[in-house]
Amino acid sequence: MTDYGKLFASKVQSKLKEKIIGNIFVTVTKEDALYIQITRDGRDTQMQTYINNLSEKMLNGYSTDYAVYEIMKQYREHVTKIMEKRYFYGN
């Protein structure tokens, strides 16, 4: 993991902590992917995702704000699915 990868992951984590209640873990893998894990009280709201080709994306102008936007979009969809299963029949 490079220094800029560590800085990018740290910045993404701090921005996600401003928006999400729960435990947030962000790191860059050896395969050049940003790994994000979000858990909330050990419930079924745990989500794991990867953003691949991080170095290439950063060279092309990929920002922490856009990474947070993508992660938030995925997390909202994940939580919505869980809530639909929990509170509605036939899902």
PDB file of N, CA and C in Angstrom:
ATOM      1  N   MET A   1       0.854  -1.166   0.000  1.00  0.00           N
ATOM      2  CA  MET A   1       0.000   0.000   0.000  1.00  0.00           C
ATOM      3  C   MET A   1       0.904   1.234   0.000  1.00  0.00           C
ATOM      4  N   THR A   2       0.562   2.155  -0.842  1.00  0.00           N
ATOM      5  CA  THR A   2       1.358   3.370  -0.960  1.00  0.00           C
ATOM      6  C   THR A   2       0.883   4.422   0.035  1.00  0.00           C
ATOM      7  N   ASP A   3       1.710   5.452   0.189  1.00  0.00           N
ATOM      8  CA  ASP A   3       1.348   6.527   1.110  1.00  0.00           C
ATOM      9  C   ASP A   3       0.082   7.246   0.666  1.00  0.00           C
ATOM     10  N   TYR A   4      -0.045   7.488  -0.636  1.00  0.00           N
ATOM     11  CA  TYR A   4      -1.241   8.173  -1.105  1.00  0.00           C
ATOM     12  C   TYR A   4      -2.473   7.291  -0.931  1.00  0.00           C
ATOM     13  N   GLY A   5      -2.302   5.978  -0.998  1.00  0.00           N
ATOM     14  CA  GLY A   5      -3.418   5.064  -0.751  1.00  0.00           C
ATOM     15  C   GLY A   5      -3.878   5.131   0.694  1.00  0.00           C
ATOM     16  N   LYS A   6      -2.905   5.187   1.616  1.00  0.00           N
ATOM     17  CA  LYS A   6      -3.244   5.315   3.036  1.00  0.00           C
ATOM     18  C   LYS A   6      -3.971   6.627   3.312  1.00  0.00           C
ATOM     19  N   LEU A   7      -3.480   7.701   2.728  1.00  0.00           N
ATOM     20  CA  LEU A   7      -4.124   9.005   2.923  1.00  0.00           C
ATOM     21  C   LEU A   7      -5.537   9.013   2.351  1.00  0.00           C
ATOM     22  N   PHE A   8      -5.701   8.418   1.167  1.00  0.00           N
ATOM     23  CA  PHE A   8      -7.008   8.354   0.521  1.00  0.00           C
ATOM     24  C   PHE A   8      -7.986   7.559   1.397  1.00  0.00           C
ATOM     25  N   ALA A   9      -7.546   6.390   1.875  1.00  0.00           N
ATOM     26  CA  ALA A   9      -8.396   5.553   2.718  1.00  0.00           C
ATOM     27  C   ALA A   9      -8.767   6.269   4.014  1.00  0.00           C
ATOM     28  N   SER A  10      -7.815   6.956   4.603  1.00  0.00           N
ATOM     29  CA  SER A  10      -8.075   7.691   5.843  1.00  0.00           C
ATOM     30  C   SER A  10      -9.101   8.804   5.627  1.00  0.00           C
ATOM     31  N   LYS A  11      -8.968   9.524   4.540  1.00  0.00           N
ATOM     32  CA  LYS A  11      -9.898  10.614   4.237  1.00  0.00           C
ATOM     33  C   LYS A  11     -11.304  10.081   3.960  1.00  0.00           C
ATOM     34  N   VAL A  12     -11.396   8.975   3.211  1.00  0.00           N
ATOM     35  CA  VAL A  12     -12.700   8.368   2.931  1.00  0.00           C
ATOM     36  C   VAL A  12     -13.344   7.913   4.232  1.00  0.00           C
ATOM     37  N   GLN A  13     -12.564   7.286   5.106  1.00  0.00           N
ATOM     38  CA  GLN A  13     -13.105   6.817   6.375  1.00  0.00           C
ATOM     39  C   GLN A  13     -13.639   7.969   7.216  1.00  0.00           C
ATOM     40  N   SER A  14     -12.904   9.064   7.299  1.00  0.00           N
ATOM     41  CA  SER A  14     -13.362  10.197   8.111  1.00  0.00           C
ATOM     42  C   SER A  14     -14.627  10.826   7.519  1.00  0.00           C
ATOM     43  N   LYS A  15     -14.727  10.870   6.197  1.00  0.00           N
ATOM     44  CA  LYS A  15     -15.934  11.421   5.576  1.00  0.00           C
ATOM     45  C   LYS A  15     -17.131  10.503   5.770  1.00  0.00           C
ATOM     46  N   LEU A  16     -16.905   9.189   5.739  1.00  0.00           N
ATOM     47  CA  LEU A  16     -18.010   8.257   5.968  1.00  0.00           C
ATOM     48  C   LEU A  16     -18.492   8.324   7.413  1.00  0.00           C
ATOM     49  N   LYS A  17     -17.567   8.526   8.352  1.00  0.00           N
ATOM     50  CA  LYS A  17     -17.948   8.619   9.764  1.00  0.00           C
ATOM     51  C   LYS A  17     -18.852   9.813  10.027  1.00  0.00           C
ATOM     52  N   GLU A  18     -18.751  10.842   9.203  1.00  0.00           N
ATOM     53  CA  GLU A  18     -19.629  12.000   9.339  1.00  0.00           C
ATOM     54  C   GLU A  18     -21.044  11.692   8.884  1.00  0.00           C
ATOM     55  N   LYS A  19     -21.216  10.647   8.064  1.00  0.00           N
ATOM     56  CA  LYS A  19     -22.501  10.368   7.447  1.00  0.00           C
ATOM     57  C   LYS A  19     -23.185   9.102   7.942  1.00  0.00           C
ATOM     58  N   ILE A  20     -22.424   8.157   8.490  1.00  0.00           N
ATOM     59  CA  ILE A  20     -22.967   6.851   8.849  1.00  0.00           C
ATOM     60  C   ILE A  20     -22.724   6.579  10.328  1.00  0.00           C
ATOM     61  N   ILE A  21     -23.751   6.056  10.994  1.00  0.00           N
ATOM     62  CA  ILE A  21     -23.620   5.620  12.377  1.00  0.00           C
ATOM     63  C   ILE A  21     -23.213   4.158  12.351  1.00  0.00           C
ATOM     64  N   GLY A  22     -22.082   3.833  12.942  1.00  0.00           N
ATOM     65  CA  GLY A  22     -21.606   2.458  12.968  1.00  0.00           C
ATOM     66  C   GLY A  22     -20.094   2.412  12.904  1.00  0.00           C
ATOM     67  N   ASN A  23     -19.567   1.208  12.824  1.00  0.00           N
ATOM     68  CA  ASN A  23     -18.124   1.007  12.706  1.00  0.00           C
ATOM     69  C   ASN A  23     -17.747   0.986  11.235  1.00  0.00           C
ATOM     70  N   ILE A  24     -16.753   1.763  10.876  1.00  0.00           N
ATOM     71  CA  ILE A  24     -16.341   1.882   9.488  1.00  0.00           C
ATOM     72  C   ILE A  24     -14.845   1.572   9.402  1.00  0.00           C
ATOM     73  N   PHE A  25     -14.522   0.626   8.526  1.00  0.00           N
ATOM     74  CA  PHE A  25     -13.135   0.231   8.305  1.00  0.00           C
ATOM     75  C   PHE A  25     -12.833   0.419   6.831  1.00  0.00           C
ATOM     76  N   VAL A  26     -11.771   1.162   6.528  1.00  0.00           N
ATOM     77  CA  VAL A  26     -11.382   1.416   5.139  1.00  0.00           C
ATOM     78  C   VAL A  26      -9.880   1.206   5.021  1.00  0.00           C
ATOM     79  N   THR A  27      -9.474   0.452   4.015  1.00  0.00           N
ATOM     80  CA  THR A  27      -8.053   0.217   3.758  1.00  0.00           C
ATOM     81  C   THR A  27      -7.839  -0.059   2.271  1.00  0.00           C
ATOM     82  N   VAL A  28      -6.598  -0.005   1.862  1.00  0.00           N
ATOM     83  CA  VAL A  28      -6.241  -0.342   0.483  1.00  0.00           C
ATOM     84  C   VAL A  28      -5.578  -1.711   0.507  1.00  0.00           C
ATOM     85  N   THR A  29      -6.044  -2.615  -0.348  1.00  0.00           N
ATOM     86  CA  THR A  29      -5.518  -3.974  -0.396  1.00  0.00           C
ATOM     87  C   THR A  29      -4.271  -4.042  -1.267  1.00  0.00           C
ATOM     88  N   LYS A  30      -3.601  -5.177  -1.218  1.00  0.00           N
ATOM     89  CA  LYS A  30      -2.420  -5.394  -2.062  1.00  0.00           C
ATOM     90  C   LYS A  30      -2.787  -5.423  -3.539  1.00  0.00           C
ATOM     91  N   GLU A  31      -4.052  -5.746  -3.820  1.00  0.00           N
ATOM     92  CA  GLU A  31      -4.529  -5.818  -5.208  1.00  0.00           C
ATOM     93  C   GLU A  31      -4.983  -4.456  -5.725  1.00  0.00           C
ATOM     94  N   ASP A  32      -4.616  -3.381  -5.034  1.00  0.00           N
ATOM     95  CA  ASP A  32      -4.934  -2.013  -5.450  1.00  0.00           C
ATOM     96  C   ASP A  32      -6.438  -1.746  -5.467  1.00  0.00           C
ATOM     97  N   ALA A  33      -7.121  -2.228  -4.438  1.00  0.00           N
ATOM     98  CA  ALA A  33      -8.551  -1.982  -4.299  1.00  0.00           C
ATOM     99  C   ALA A  33      -8.797  -1.317  -2.954  1.00  0.00           C
ATOM    100  N   LEU A  34      -9.752  -0.429  -2.927  1.00  0.00           N
ATOM    101  CA  LEU A  34     -10.172   0.195  -1.671  1.00  0.00           C
ATOM    102  C   LEU A  34     -11.224  -0.715  -1.053  1.00  0.00           C
ATOM    103  N   TYR A  35     -10.957  -1.233   0.141  1.00  0.00           N
ATOM    104  CA  TYR A  35     -11.862  -2.144   0.837  1.00  0.00           C
ATOM    105  C   TYR A  35     -12.597  -1.358   1.906  1.00  0.00           C
ATOM    106  N   ILE A  36     -13.924  -1.469   1.906  1.00  0.00           N
ATOM    107  CA  ILE A  36     -14.761  -0.757   2.863  1.00  0.00           C
ATOM    108  C   ILE A  36     -15.644  -1.761   3.578  1.00  0.00           C
ATOM    109  N   GLN A  37     -15.655  -1.708   4.912  1.00  0.00           N
ATOM    110  CA  GLN A  37     -16.540  -2.547   5.710  1.00  0.00           C
ATOM    111  C   GLN A  37     -17.298  -1.641   6.675  1.00  0.00           C
ATOM    112  N   ILE A  38     -18.622  -1.759   6.655  1.00  0.00           N
ATOM    113  CA  ILE A  38     -19.470  -0.968   7.534  1.00  0.00           C
ATOM    114  C   ILE A  38     -20.314  -1.942   8.345  1.00  0.00           C
ATOM    115  N   THR A  39     -20.257  -1.833   9.677  1.00  0.00           N
ATOM    116  CA  THR A  39     -21.076  -2.673  10.551  1.00  0.00           C
ATOM    117  C   THR A  39     -21.818  -1.792  11.538  1.00  0.00           C
ATOM    118  N   ARG A  40     -22.981  -2.266  11.912  1.00  0.00           N
ATOM    119  CA  ARG A  40     -23.795  -1.518  12.862  1.00  0.00           C
ATOM    120  C   ARG A  40     -24.295  -2.470  13.924  1.00  0.00           C
ATOM    121  N   ASP A  41     -23.735  -2.409  15.108  1.00  0.00           N
ATOM    122  CA  ASP A  41     -24.173  -3.191  16.270  1.00  0.00           C
ATOM    123  C   ASP A  41     -24.204  -4.691  16.005  1.00  0.00           C
ATOM    124  N   GLY A  42     -23.372  -5.192  15.108  1.00  0.00           N
ATOM    125  CA  GLY A  42     -23.316  -6.618  14.843  1.00  0.00           C
ATOM    126  C   GLY A  42     -24.571  -7.181  14.204  1.00  0.00           C
ATOM    127  N   ARG A  43     -25.455  -6.347  13.753  1.00  0.00           N
ATOM    128  CA  ARG A  43     -26.697  -6.806  13.135  1.00  0.00           C
ATOM    129  C   ARG A  43     -26.451  -7.162  11.679  1.00  0.00           C
ATOM    130  N   ASP A  44     -27.527  -7.471  10.984  1.00  0.00           N
ATOM    131  CA  ASP A  44     -27.407  -7.873   9.589  1.00  0.00           C
ATOM    132  C   ASP A  44     -27.193  -6.689   8.653  1.00  0.00           C
ATOM    133  N   THR A  45     -26.892  -5.523   9.199  1.00  0.00           N
ATOM    134  CA  THR A  45     -26.642  -4.353   8.356  1.00  0.00           C
ATOM    135  C   THR A  45     -25.172  -4.230   7.967  1.00  0.00           C
ATOM    136  N   GLN A  46     -24.430  -5.305   8.113  1.00  0.00           N
ATOM    137  CA  GLN A  46     -23.016  -5.278   7.715  1.00  0.00           C
ATOM    138  C   GLN A  46     -22.915  -5.263   6.197  1.00  0.00           C
ATOM    139  N   MET A  47     -22.007  -4.427   5.698  1.00  0.00           N
ATOM    140  CA  MET A  47     -21.775  -4.348   4.265  1.00  0.00           C
ATOM    141  C   MET A  47     -20.278  -4.301   4.003  1.00  0.00           C
ATOM    142  N   GLN A  48     -19.855  -5.038   2.994  1.00  0.00           N
ATOM    143  CA  GLN A  48     -18.468  -5.011   2.542  1.00  0.00           C
ATOM    144  C   GLN A  48     -18.473  -4.719   1.056  1.00  0.00           C
ATOM    145  N   THR A  49     -17.573  -3.869   0.622  1.00  0.00           N
ATOM    146  CA  THR A  49     -17.482  -3.564  -0.795  1.00  0.00           C
ATOM    147  C   THR A  49     -16.047  -3.203  -1.150  1.00  0.00           C
ATOM    148  N   TYR A  50     -15.755  -3.281  -2.419  1.00  0.00           N
ATOM    149  CA  TYR A  50     -14.437  -2.930  -2.943  1.00  0.00           C
ATOM    150  C   TYR A  50     -14.595  -1.903  -4.059  1.00  0.00           C
ATOM    151  N   ILE A  51     -13.627  -1.012  -4.152  1.00  0.00           N
ATOM    152  CA  ILE A  51     -13.492  -0.131  -5.306  1.00  0.00           C
ATOM    153  C   ILE A  51     -12.164  -0.516  -5.952  1.00  0.00           C
ATOM    154  N   ASN A  52     -12.251  -1.154  -7.103  1.00  0.00           N
ATOM    155  CA  ASN A  52     -11.069  -1.701  -7.777  1.00  0.00           C
ATOM    156  C   ASN A  52     -10.303  -0.642  -8.553  1.00  0.00           C
ATOM    157  N   ASN A  53      -9.052  -0.978  -8.886  1.00  0.00           N
ATOM    158  CA  ASN A  53      -8.164  -0.114  -9.688  1.00  0.00           C
ATOM    159  C   ASN A  53      -8.032   1.289  -9.102  1.00  0.00           C
ATOM    160  N   LEU A  54      -7.769   1.364  -7.813  1.00  0.00           N
ATOM    161  CA  LEU A  54      -7.743   2.656  -7.129  1.00  0.00           C
ATOM    162  C   LEU A  54      -6.657   3.584  -7.683  1.00  0.00           C
ATOM    163  N   SER A  55      -5.463   3.074  -7.904  1.00  0.00           N
ATOM    164  CA  SER A  55      -4.373   3.936  -8.396  1.00  0.00           C
ATOM    165  C   SER A  55      -4.717   4.552  -9.742  1.00  0.00           C
ATOM    166  N   GLU A  56      -5.237   3.738 -10.634  1.00  0.00           N
ATOM    167  CA  GLU A  56      -5.618   4.227 -11.958  1.00  0.00           C
ATOM    168  C   GLU A  56      -6.717   5.280 -11.861  1.00  0.00           C
ATOM    169  N   LYS A  57      -7.699   5.019 -11.019  1.00  0.00           N
ATOM    170  CA  LYS A  57      -8.793   5.985 -10.850  1.00  0.00           C
ATOM    171  C   LYS A  57      -8.278   7.301 -10.264  1.00  0.00           C
ATOM    172  N   MET A  58      -7.364   7.209  -9.304  1.00  0.00           N
ATOM    173  CA  MET A  58      -6.825   8.426  -8.702  1.00  0.00           C
ATOM    174  C   MET A  58      -6.036   9.241  -9.719  1.00  0.00           C
ATOM    175  N   LEU A  59      -5.295   8.563 -10.590  1.00  0.00           N
ATOM    176  CA  LEU A  59      -4.553   9.272 -11.633  1.00  0.00           C
ATOM    177  C   LEU A  59      -5.483   9.989 -12.609  1.00  0.00           C
ATOM    178  N   ASN A  60      -6.702   9.462 -12.740  1.00  0.00           N
ATOM    179  CA  ASN A  60      -7.681  10.062 -13.637  1.00  0.00           C
ATOM    180  C   ASN A  60      -8.627  11.032 -12.925  1.00  0.00           C
ATOM    181  N   GLY A  61      -8.311  11.405 -11.677  1.00  0.00           N
ATOM    182  CA  GLY A  61      -9.080  12.430 -10.985  1.00  0.00           C
ATOM    183  C   GLY A  61     -10.142  11.924 -10.023  1.00  0.00           C
ATOM    184  N   TYR A  62     -10.087  10.665  -9.646  1.00  0.00           N
ATOM    185  CA  TYR A  62     -11.054  10.100  -8.701  1.00  0.00           C
ATOM    186  C   TYR A  62     -10.856  10.747  -7.336  1.00  0.00           C
ATOM    187  N   SER A  63     -11.903  11.329  -6.802  1.00  0.00           N
ATOM    188  CA  SER A  63     -11.781  12.062  -5.538  1.00  0.00           C
ATOM    189  C   SER A  63     -12.393  11.287  -4.380  1.00  0.00           C
ATOM    190  N   THR A  64     -12.036  11.682  -3.179  1.00  0.00           N
ATOM    191  CA  THR A  64     -12.623  11.061  -1.992  1.00  0.00           C
ATOM    192  C   THR A  64     -14.117  11.357  -1.922  1.00  0.00           C
ATOM    193  N   ASP A  65     -14.521  12.538  -2.374  1.00  0.00           N
ATOM    194  CA  ASP A  65     -15.947  12.876  -2.367  1.00  0.00           C
ATOM    195  C   ASP A  65     -16.744  11.936  -3.258  1.00  0.00           C
ATOM    196  N   TYR A  66     -16.203  11.610  -4.427  1.00  0.00           N
ATOM    197  CA  TYR A  66     -16.923  10.713  -5.327  1.00  0.00           C
ATOM    198  C   TYR A  66     -16.910   9.280  -4.784  1.00  0.00           C
ATOM    199  N   ALA A  67     -15.811   8.872  -4.152  1.00  0.00           N
ATOM    200  CA  ALA A  67     -15.760   7.543  -3.532  1.00  0.00           C
ATOM    201  C   ALA A  67     -16.829   7.435  -2.443  1.00  0.00           C
ATOM    202  N   VAL A  68     -16.947   8.471  -1.617  1.00  0.00           N
ATOM    203  CA  VAL A  68     -17.959   8.475  -0.562  1.00  0.00           C
ATOM    204  C   VAL A  68     -19.359   8.449  -1.168  1.00  0.00           C
ATOM    205  N   TYR A  69     -19.574   9.176  -2.250  1.00  0.00           N
ATOM    206  CA  TYR A  69     -20.865   9.167  -2.940  1.00  0.00           C
ATOM    207  C   TYR A  69     -21.216   7.751  -3.398  1.00  0.00           C
ATOM    208  N   GLU A  70     -20.260   7.044  -4.026  1.00  0.00           N
ATOM    209  CA  GLU A  70     -20.508   5.685  -4.500  1.00  0.00           C
ATOM    210  C   GLU A  70     -20.800   4.726  -3.341  1.00  0.00           C
ATOM    211  N   ILE A  71     -20.041   4.846  -2.269  1.00  0.00           N
ATOM    212  CA  ILE A  71     -20.225   3.969  -1.110  1.00  0.00           C
ATOM    213  C   ILE A  71     -21.578   4.240  -0.455  1.00  0.00           C
ATOM    214  N   MET A  72     -21.934   5.498  -0.290  1.00  0.00           N
ATOM    215  CA  MET A  72     -23.221   5.846   0.305  1.00  0.00           C
ATOM    216  C   MET A  72     -24.381   5.319  -0.534  1.00  0.00           C
ATOM    217  N   LYS A  73     -24.254   5.386  -1.837  1.00  0.00           N
ATOM    218  CA  LYS A  73     -25.296   4.872  -2.733  1.00  0.00           C
ATOM    219  C   LYS A  73     -25.479   3.367  -2.513  1.00  0.00           C
ATOM    220  N   GLN A  74     -24.377   2.632  -2.450  1.00  0.00           N
ATOM    221  CA  GLN A  74     -24.448   1.188  -2.211  1.00  0.00           C
ATOM    222  C   GLN A  74     -25.007   0.878  -0.825  1.00  0.00           C
ATOM    223  N   TYR A  75     -24.595   1.640   0.178  1.00  0.00           N
ATOM    224  CA  TYR A  75     -25.051   1.388   1.546  1.00  0.00           C
ATOM    225  C   TYR A  75     -26.547   1.676   1.688  1.00  0.00           C
ATOM    226  N   ARG A  76     -27.021   2.743   1.063  1.00  0.00           N
ATOM    227  CA  ARG A  76     -28.467   3.033   1.098  1.00  0.00           C
ATOM    228  C   ARG A  76     -29.275   1.893   0.486  1.00  0.00           C
ATOM    229  N   GLU A  77     -28.812   1.370  -0.659  1.00  0.00           N
ATOM    230  CA  GLU A  77     -29.498   0.252  -1.304  1.00  0.00           C
ATOM    231  C   GLU A  77     -29.489  -0.974  -0.393  1.00  0.00           C
ATOM    232  N   HIS A  78     -28.359  -1.228   0.249  1.00  0.00           N
ATOM    233  CA  HIS A  78     -28.223  -2.371   1.154  1.00  0.00           C
ATOM    234  C   HIS A  78     -29.187  -2.251   2.338  1.00  0.00           C
ATOM    235  N   VAL A  79     -29.217  -1.108   2.971  1.00  0.00           N
ATOM    236  CA  VAL A  79     -30.087  -0.899   4.132  1.00  0.00           C
ATOM    237  C   VAL A  79     -31.558  -0.939   3.710  1.00  0.00           C
ATOM    238  N   THR A  80     -31.882  -0.396   2.548  1.00  0.00           N
ATOM    239  CA  THR A  80     -33.259  -0.420   2.061  1.00  0.00           C
ATOM    240  C   THR A  80     -33.725  -1.859   1.851  1.00  0.00           C
ATOM    241  N   LYS A  81     -32.894  -2.709   1.278  1.00  0.00           N
ATOM    242  CA  LYS A  81     -33.250  -4.117   1.089  1.00  0.00           C
ATOM    243  C   LYS A  81     -33.513  -4.804   2.419  1.00  0.00           C
ATOM    244  N   ILE A  82     -32.676  -4.518   3.395  1.00  0.00           N
ATOM    245  CA  ILE A  82     -32.841  -5.124   4.723  1.00  0.00           C
ATOM    246  C   ILE A  82     -34.155  -4.667   5.351  1.00  0.00           C
ATOM    247  N   MET A  83     -34.458  -3.390   5.257  1.00  0.00           N
ATOM    248  CA  MET A  83     -35.690  -2.867   5.836  1.00  0.00           C
ATOM    249  C   MET A  83     -36.924  -3.428   5.127  1.00  0.00           C
ATOM    250  N   GLU A  84     -36.851  -3.580   3.816  1.00  0.00           N
ATOM    251  CA  GLU A  84     -37.976  -4.156   3.086  1.00  0.00           C
ATOM    252  C   GLU A  84     -38.230  -5.593   3.522  1.00  0.00           C
ATOM    253  N   LYS A  85     -37.171  -6.373   3.713  1.00  0.00           N
ATOM    254  CA  LYS A  85     -37.328  -7.756   4.158  1.00  0.00           C
ATOM    255  C   LYS A  85     -37.892  -7.817   5.573  1.00  0.00           C
ATOM    256  N   ARG A  86     -37.471  -6.888   6.399  1.00  0.00           N
ATOM    257  CA  ARG A  86     -37.857  -6.907   7.802  1.00  0.00           C
ATOM    258  C   ARG A  86     -39.284  -6.427   8.021  1.00  0.00           C
ATOM    259  N   TYR A  87     -39.763  -5.465   7.230  1.00  0.00           N
ATOM    260  CA  TYR A  87     -41.033  -4.823   7.538  1.00  0.00           C
ATOM    261  C   TYR A  87     -42.156  -5.033   6.517  1.00  0.00           C
ATOM    262  N   PHE A  88     -41.873  -5.723   5.414  1.00  0.00           N
ATOM    263  CA  PHE A  88     -42.905  -5.926   4.393  1.00  0.00           C
ATOM    264  C   PHE A  88     -42.991  -7.395   4.022  1.00  0.00           C
ATOM    265  N   TYR A  89     -44.201  -7.865   3.734  1.00  0.00           N
ATOM    266  CA  TYR A  89     -44.414  -9.244   3.291  1.00  0.00           C
ATOM    267  C   TYR A  89     -44.080  -9.386   1.820  1.00  0.00           C
ATOM    268  N   GLY A  90     -43.678 -10.584   1.429  1.00  0.00           N
ATOM    269  CA  GLY A  90     -43.481 -10.899   0.027  1.00  0.00           C
ATOM    270  C   GLY A  90     -42.194 -10.387  -0.570  1.00  0.00           C
ATOM    271  N   ASN A  91     -41.236 -10.016   0.233  1.00  0.00           N
ATOM    272  CA  ASN A  91     -39.961  -9.522  -0.321  1.00  0.00           C
ATOM    273  C   ASN A  91     -38.847 -10.474  -0.016  1.00  0.00           C
TER     274      ASN A  91
END
